[in-house]
Amino acid sequence: MNYAVGQIKGRQYIIKPGVTLAIDKIEGTKLSVDQILLMVDDGKIEIGHPYLDKKLDLEVVGQKKDKVRVFKYQPKANHHKTIGQKIEKTLVKLATK
């Protein structure tokens, strides 16, 4: 498999072997993706209508927090405001068989 497009918790991700993805936080150590939209394997393209009858197993590598900062600025009014939050992410990669 070269890559696949899978849907995890309502968002679509490109899943490649050996590449670590940062997805929304999940619990557990394994994840099974059964909503595969597209799969490319050595030039052979499979497109689901809406999903393929295949399944990918992902393993959890770790957890992290991303800091998101938003800066609002209005020029001439001498107004600026910085707000932010930390978003929890889970690092996953394709499980080896």
Protein backbone atom coordinates (compact mmCIF):
# COMPACT_ATOMS: atom_id res chain seq x y z
CA MET A 1 0.00 0.00 0.00
CA ASN A 2 1.38 3.40 -0.98
CA TYR A 3 -1.23 5.44 0.88
CA ALA A 4 -4.86 5.50 1.89
CA VAL A 5 -7.38 8.17 2.84
CA GLY A 6 -9.27 7.26 5.98
CA GLN A 7 -11.88 8.97 8.11
CA ILE A 8 -11.20 9.12 11.85
CA LYS A 9 -13.65 10.92 14.16
CA GLY A 10 -15.19 12.86 11.27
CA ARG A 11 -11.89 14.10 9.78
CA GLN A 12 -10.04 12.73 6.78
CA TYR A 13 -6.36 11.80 7.00
CA ILE A 14 -3.80 10.52 4.50
CA ILE A 15 -2.35 7.34 6.00
CA LYS A 16 1.08 6.26 4.75
CA PRO A 17 3.30 3.45 6.03
CA GLY A 18 6.00 4.74 8.37
CA VAL A 19 4.45 8.22 8.80
CA THR A 20 3.19 9.39 12.20
CA LEU A 21 -0.16 11.23 12.26
CA ALA A 22 -1.42 13.64 14.90
CA ILE A 23 -5.18 13.07 15.31
CA ASP A 24 -7.73 14.21 17.87
CA LYS A 25 -7.29 12.57 21.27
CA ILE A 26 -8.42 8.96 21.63
CA GLU A 27 -8.11 6.48 24.48
CA GLY A 28 -6.43 3.09 24.21
CA THR A 29 -3.35 1.70 22.48
CA LYS A 30 -4.84 0.51 19.19
CA LEU A 31 -7.20 2.00 16.65
CA SER A 32 -8.99 0.30 13.80
CA VAL A 33 -10.05 2.45 10.84
CA ASP A 34 -12.87 0.90 8.84
CA GLN A 35 -13.95 4.02 6.96
CA ILE A 36 -11.46 3.94 4.09
CA LEU A 37 -12.34 6.33 1.27
CA LEU A 38 -9.44 5.72 -1.13
CA MET A 39 -6.55 3.28 -1.37
CA VAL A 40 -3.58 3.42 -3.76
CA ASP A 41 -1.39 0.34 -4.12
CA ASP A 42 1.37 0.39 -6.77
CA GLY A 43 -0.65 2.48 -9.24
CA LYS A 44 -3.90 0.57 -8.61
CA ILE A 45 -6.50 3.00 -7.27
CA GLU A 46 -9.55 1.82 -5.34
CA ILE A 47 -12.29 4.33 -4.60
CA GLY A 48 -15.06 3.61 -2.13
CA HIS A 49 -18.73 4.47 -2.61
CA PRO A 50 -18.66 5.87 0.10
CA TYR A 51 -16.27 3.42 1.87
CA LEU A 52 -14.15 0.42 0.92
CA ASP A 53 -14.62 -2.99 2.55
CA LYS A 54 -11.11 -2.84 4.01
CA LYS A 55 -9.72 -2.06 7.41
CA LEU A 56 -6.47 -0.47 8.64
CA ASP A 57 -4.97 -1.01 12.07
CA LEU A 58 -3.16 1.91 13.70
CA GLU A 59 -1.06 1.82 16.84
CA VAL A 60 -0.76 4.68 19.31
CA VAL A 61 2.77 6.06 19.57
CA GLY A 62 2.13 8.78 22.16
CA GLN A 63 0.17 11.81 23.30
CA LYS A 64 1.00 15.51 22.93
CA LYS A 65 -0.52 18.94 23.37
CA ASP A 66 -0.42 21.56 20.61
CA LYS A 67 -0.59 25.19 21.63
CA VAL A 68 -2.85 27.34 19.45
CA ARG A 69 -2.51 31.12 19.69
CA VAL A 70 -4.91 33.66 18.20
CA PHE A 71 -3.90 37.32 18.01
CA LYS A 72 -6.58 39.89 17.23
CA TYR A 73 -5.44 43.35 16.24
CA GLN A 74 -7.29 46.45 15.13
CA PRO A 75 -4.89 49.05 13.77
CA LYS A 76 -5.87 52.70 14.61
CA ALA A 77 -7.98 51.72 17.62
CA ASN A 78 -4.97 50.68 19.75
CA HIS A 79 -6.69 47.37 20.46
CA HIS A 80 -5.02 43.97 20.54
CA LYS A 81 -5.86 40.75 22.27
CA THR A 82 -4.08 37.39 22.50
CA ILE A 83 -5.99 34.26 23.36
CA GLY A 84 -5.05 30.61 23.09
CA GLN A 85 -5.63 27.06 24.17
CA LYS A 86 -3.88 23.71 24.26
CA ILE A 87 -5.35 20.99 22.06
CA GLU A 88 -4.68 17.38 23.03
CA LYS A 89 -3.51 15.15 20.16
CA THR A 90 -2.73 11.45 19.81
CA LEU A 91 0.20 10.32 17.69
CA VAL A 92 -0.57 7.18 15.65
CA LYS A 93 1.10 5.22 12.86
CA LEU A 94 0.24 2.23 10.72
CA ALA A 95 0.65 -1.03 12.63
CA THR A 96 3.20 -3.49 11.26
CA LYS A 97 2.04 -7.02 10.66
